[in-house]
Structure formats: C-alpha cells, structure tokens
Protein backbone atom coordinates (compact mmCIF):
# COMPACT_ATOMS: atom_id res chain seq x y z
CA MET A 1 -53.38 63.22 14.66
CA GLU A 2 -50.67 64.37 12.30
CA ASP A 3 -46.99 64.17 13.28
CA GLU A 4 -46.59 67.96 13.17
CA ALA A 5 -49.40 68.37 15.70
CA ILE A 6 -47.80 65.76 17.99
CA VAL A 7 -44.42 67.50 17.75
CA THR A 8 -46.14 70.81 18.59
CA LEU A 9 -47.57 69.20 21.74
CA TYR A 10 -44.02 68.21 22.74
CA TRP A 11 -42.87 71.81 22.16
CA GLN A 12 -45.71 72.99 24.39
CA ARG A 13 -44.63 70.41 27.01
CA SER A 14 -48.10 68.92 27.03
CA GLU A 15 -48.35 65.44 28.51
CA GLU A 16 -50.94 64.71 25.86
CA ALA A 17 -48.00 64.44 23.44
CA ILE A 18 -46.97 61.10 24.94
CA ALA A 19 -50.53 59.77 24.85
CA ARG A 20 -50.90 60.78 21.21
CA THR A 21 -47.52 59.30 20.32
CA ASP A 22 -48.50 56.03 21.97
CA GLN A 23 -51.85 56.06 20.25
CA LYS A 24 -50.31 56.50 16.81
CA TYR A 25 -46.95 54.73 17.13
CA GLY A 26 -47.20 52.46 20.19
CA ARG A 27 -47.65 49.23 18.21
CA TYR A 28 -44.97 50.27 15.74
CA CYS A 29 -42.41 50.88 18.49
CA HIS A 30 -43.40 47.73 20.36
CA ALA A 31 -42.95 45.64 17.19
CA ILE A 32 -39.44 47.04 16.68
CA ALA A 33 -38.46 46.29 20.27
CA TYR A 34 -40.09 42.85 20.27
CA ASN A 35 -38.27 41.79 17.09
CA ILE A 36 -35.00 42.36 18.91
CA LEU A 37 -35.88 41.22 22.43
CA GLN A 38 -38.55 38.54 21.92
CA ASP A 39 -40.02 39.57 25.27
CA HIS A 40 -43.18 41.64 25.70
CA LEU A 41 -42.31 43.12 29.11
CA ASP A 42 -38.85 44.23 28.02
CA SER A 43 -40.36 45.60 24.83
CA ASP A 44 -42.89 47.63 26.81
CA GLU A 45 -40.03 49.02 28.92
CA CYS A 46 -38.17 50.03 25.78
CA VAL A 47 -41.22 51.79 24.38
CA ASN A 48 -41.62 53.72 27.65
CA ASP A 49 -37.94 54.63 27.55
CA THR A 50 -38.44 55.78 23.97
CA TYR A 51 -41.19 58.17 25.02
CA LEU A 52 -39.01 59.57 27.79
CA SER A 53 -36.13 60.04 25.36
CA LEU A 54 -38.42 61.75 22.88
CA TRP A 55 -39.68 64.06 25.64
CA GLN A 56 -36.07 65.01 26.37
CA ILE A 57 -35.14 65.51 22.70
CA ILE A 58 -38.13 67.70 21.72
CA PRO A 59 -37.44 70.58 22.17
CA PRO A 60 -34.85 71.73 21.07
CA ARG A 61 -34.92 69.29 18.17
CA ARG A 62 -37.82 69.32 15.69
CA PRO A 63 -37.82 66.00 13.79
CA SER A 64 -38.77 66.06 10.13
CA LEU A 65 -40.02 62.46 10.29
CA LEU A 66 -41.32 61.46 13.71
CA SER A 67 -41.71 57.77 12.84
CA ALA A 68 -38.04 57.49 11.82
CA LEU A 69 -36.88 59.16 15.03
CA LEU A 70 -39.10 56.86 17.11
CA ALA A 71 -37.79 53.80 15.26
CA LYS A 72 -34.18 54.83 15.86
CA ILE A 73 -34.69 55.55 19.55
CA THR A 74 -36.69 52.35 20.12
CA ARG A 75 -34.12 50.24 18.32
CA ASN A 76 -31.26 51.73 20.35
CA HIS A 77 -33.11 51.12 23.63
CA ALA A 78 -33.94 47.56 22.58
CA LEU A 79 -30.33 46.83 21.63
CA ASP A 80 -29.14 48.26 24.95
CA ARG A 81 -31.66 46.05 26.79
CA TYR A 82 -30.57 43.04 24.73
CA LYS A 83 -26.93 43.60 25.72
CA TYR A 84 -27.92 44.22 29.33
CA ASN A 85 -29.94 40.99 29.51
CA ARG A 86 -27.09 38.95 28.12
CA ALA A 87 -24.24 40.56 30.03
CA GLU A 88 -21.96 38.13 31.85
CA LYS A 89 -22.88 39.35 35.29
CA ARG A 90 -26.57 38.72 34.57
CA GLY A 91 -26.25 35.09 33.67
CA SER A 92 -24.94 35.08 30.08
CA GLY A 93 -25.97 31.52 29.55
CA GLN A 94 -25.16 30.39 33.08
CA VAL A 95 -28.67 29.03 33.61
CA ALA A 96 -28.38 26.64 30.69
CA LEU A 97 -24.81 25.74 31.57
CA ALA A 98 -25.64 25.04 35.21
CA LEU A 99 -28.65 22.90 34.30
CA ASP A 100 -26.54 21.03 31.78
CA GLU A 101 -23.95 20.26 34.46
CA LEU A 102 -26.66 19.03 36.82
CA SER A 103 -28.37 16.97 34.13
CA GLU A 104 -25.89 14.15 34.67
CA CYS A 105 -27.31 13.81 38.18
CA ILE A 106 -30.93 14.72 37.72
CA GLY A 107 -31.57 13.44 34.23
CA LYS A 108 -33.43 14.93 31.33
CA SER A 109 -36.72 15.80 33.01
CA GLU A 110 -35.58 18.33 35.61
CA GLU A 111 -39.05 19.83 35.90
CA GLU A 112 -40.58 16.51 36.98
CA TYR A 113 -37.96 15.98 39.68
CA LEU A 114 -37.99 19.54 40.96
CA GLU A 115 -41.73 19.28 41.62
CA ASP A 116 -41.29 16.10 43.57
CA ARG A 117 -41.22 16.72 47.30
CA ALA A 118 -39.12 13.64 47.99
CA LEU A 119 -36.39 14.95 45.75
CA THR A 120 -36.52 18.30 47.51
CA GLU A 121 -35.98 16.56 50.83
CA LEU A 122 -33.10 14.54 49.37
CA LEU A 123 -31.45 17.68 48.02
CA ASN A 124 -31.86 19.50 51.33
CA GLY A 125 -30.34 16.54 53.16
CA PHE A 126 -27.51 16.39 50.64
CA LEU A 127 -26.74 20.09 51.10
CA THR A 128 -26.83 19.74 54.87
CA SER A 129 -24.29 16.92 54.68
CA LEU A 130 -21.76 18.95 52.69
CA PRO A 131 -18.95 20.80 54.44
CA GLN A 132 -19.57 24.55 54.55
CA LYS A 133 -17.16 25.49 51.73
CA GLU A 134 -18.49 22.81 49.38
CA LYS A 135 -22.05 23.84 50.18
CA GLU A 136 -21.21 27.46 49.34
CA VAL A 137 -19.60 26.43 46.04
CA PHE A 138 -22.58 24.25 45.14
CA LEU A 139 -25.18 26.90 46.00
CA LEU A 140 -23.33 29.75 44.30
CA ARG A 141 -23.06 27.71 41.13
CA TYR A 142 -26.42 25.97 40.98
CA TRP A 143 -28.75 28.22 42.97
CA TYR A 144 -27.34 31.68 42.31
CA LEU A 145 -26.03 30.61 38.87
CA CYS A 146 -22.65 32.28 39.26
CA SER A 147 -19.96 31.38 36.77
CA VAL A 148 -17.09 29.18 37.92
CA ARG A 149 -14.86 32.27 37.88
CA GLN A 150 -17.30 34.24 40.03
CA VAL A 151 -17.58 31.40 42.55
CA GLY A 152 -13.81 31.26 42.79
CA GLN A 153 -13.51 35.01 43.26
CA LYS A 154 -16.20 35.12 45.94
CA LEU A 155 -14.71 32.26 47.91
CA GLY A 156 -11.01 32.84 47.24
CA LEU A 157 -10.59 29.60 45.27
CA SER A 158 -8.96 28.85 41.95
CA GLU A 159 -11.23 27.97 39.02
CA SER A 160 -9.78 24.46 38.91
CA ASN A 161 -10.52 24.02 42.62
CA VAL A 162 -14.12 25.16 42.06
CA LYS A 163 -14.53 22.79 39.10
CA MET A 164 -13.14 19.85 41.05
CA THR A 165 -15.33 20.64 44.08
CA LEU A 166 -18.39 20.81 41.84
CA LEU A 167 -17.48 17.56 40.11
CA ARG A 168 -17.11 15.75 43.43
CA SER A 169 -20.36 17.23 44.74
CA ARG A 170 -22.25 16.17 41.63
CA ARG A 171 -20.83 12.66 41.93
CA GLN A 172 -21.92 12.50 45.58
CA LEU A 173 -25.37 13.78 44.64
CA ARG A 174 -25.68 11.24 41.84
CA ALA A 175 -24.66 8.40 44.18
CA LEU A 176 -27.20 9.56 46.78
CA LEU A 177 -29.98 9.78 44.21
CA GLU A 178 -29.15 6.31 42.83
CA LYS A 179 -29.03 4.88 46.35
CA GLU A 180 -32.46 6.39 47.12
CA GLY A 181 -33.89 4.94 43.91
CA VAL A 182 -34.42 8.21 42.05
CA ARG A 183 -34.68 7.46 38.35
CA LEU A 184 -31.88 9.25 36.49
C-alpha cells in the first residue's frame, strides 16, 4: 500500500491504518529502536508508542514523507526509553556496582554460588544475625540495589555511615563464608 493511501486511512480514523503502517514499516521502526536500545521488548514498546503518536498527529498534519516521520518519532521514543532505563532512580549501574562490591565476598562466579542451596542458607543465617539497622542497609543496597545515597536517605544515615556499615557487613559475611569453607 502506498504512503498516501495509509495517510488517508489515518485521516478517516480507520484502525486499518495502524495495521497497514505496521505491515509496511514495522521492521523499519523496530530496527531504529533496537539500534538504540539493544532490547527487543523495549523496541516493540517504542514501535507501539510510535503508532499511537502517529495516530494523534494525523490529522491535522499530513506528512509528505511517512517513513521520515515514522523514523523521527521512533527515534525520539527510543531515546526517551534509553534515558528512562538508565535514570538514576532505576538503577543507573547500581546492579553492576553492587555485584562488584559483593564480589570480594562471593568471588568471581556469583551465579554458581547463588544457585547453591547451602550458600542461600548461609546468607539467610547471616542476615538473621545482623542487627535490624545493618540488615536494612545490607538489603537496601544488595537486594533492592539502592545507591548509597538512597540508603542513607531512607534510613536517616550519612553516606559515610552507610559505606562503613556495608564494609563491616561484607567483612563479616566474608569471614562467615571462609569459616564455612565456601570457596571465594
């Protein structure tokens, strides 16, 4: 179907317009989004958002080059999603940072240890042994992956206090794991 016919369907408010747009430009839009996001699900979301935006733009606007308009809208949605995914309150590298901090206790093969039931029991016992405040700090940092600043704000502690609490907890965990014979 030609672009002019697809645009006419939008002007008529026919839902077939979206189906025809997807049929002709779905892969094109998905490729644009995927090149930015490197994630198929997020890319699919961006393409769906693109179709909604196009539905809202036409009418009153009548694009001269539908593919260019779709590319622009898709790219903007993908960039917005990229920023959203990497925003500080959504992790912004906190997963990698938290795992890096724990690597001194757990070692390089975290996946192997996390699957091990004995380690799970050791970790549960370790957490149970911690005073309430230290347990909250540890869980906020390593389970909920909050930044040190966020942990401090949530618990009313200074960042240096949070860092020191985490350091001590990691040392205790390391000593427990060594004592129990867990290979580090």
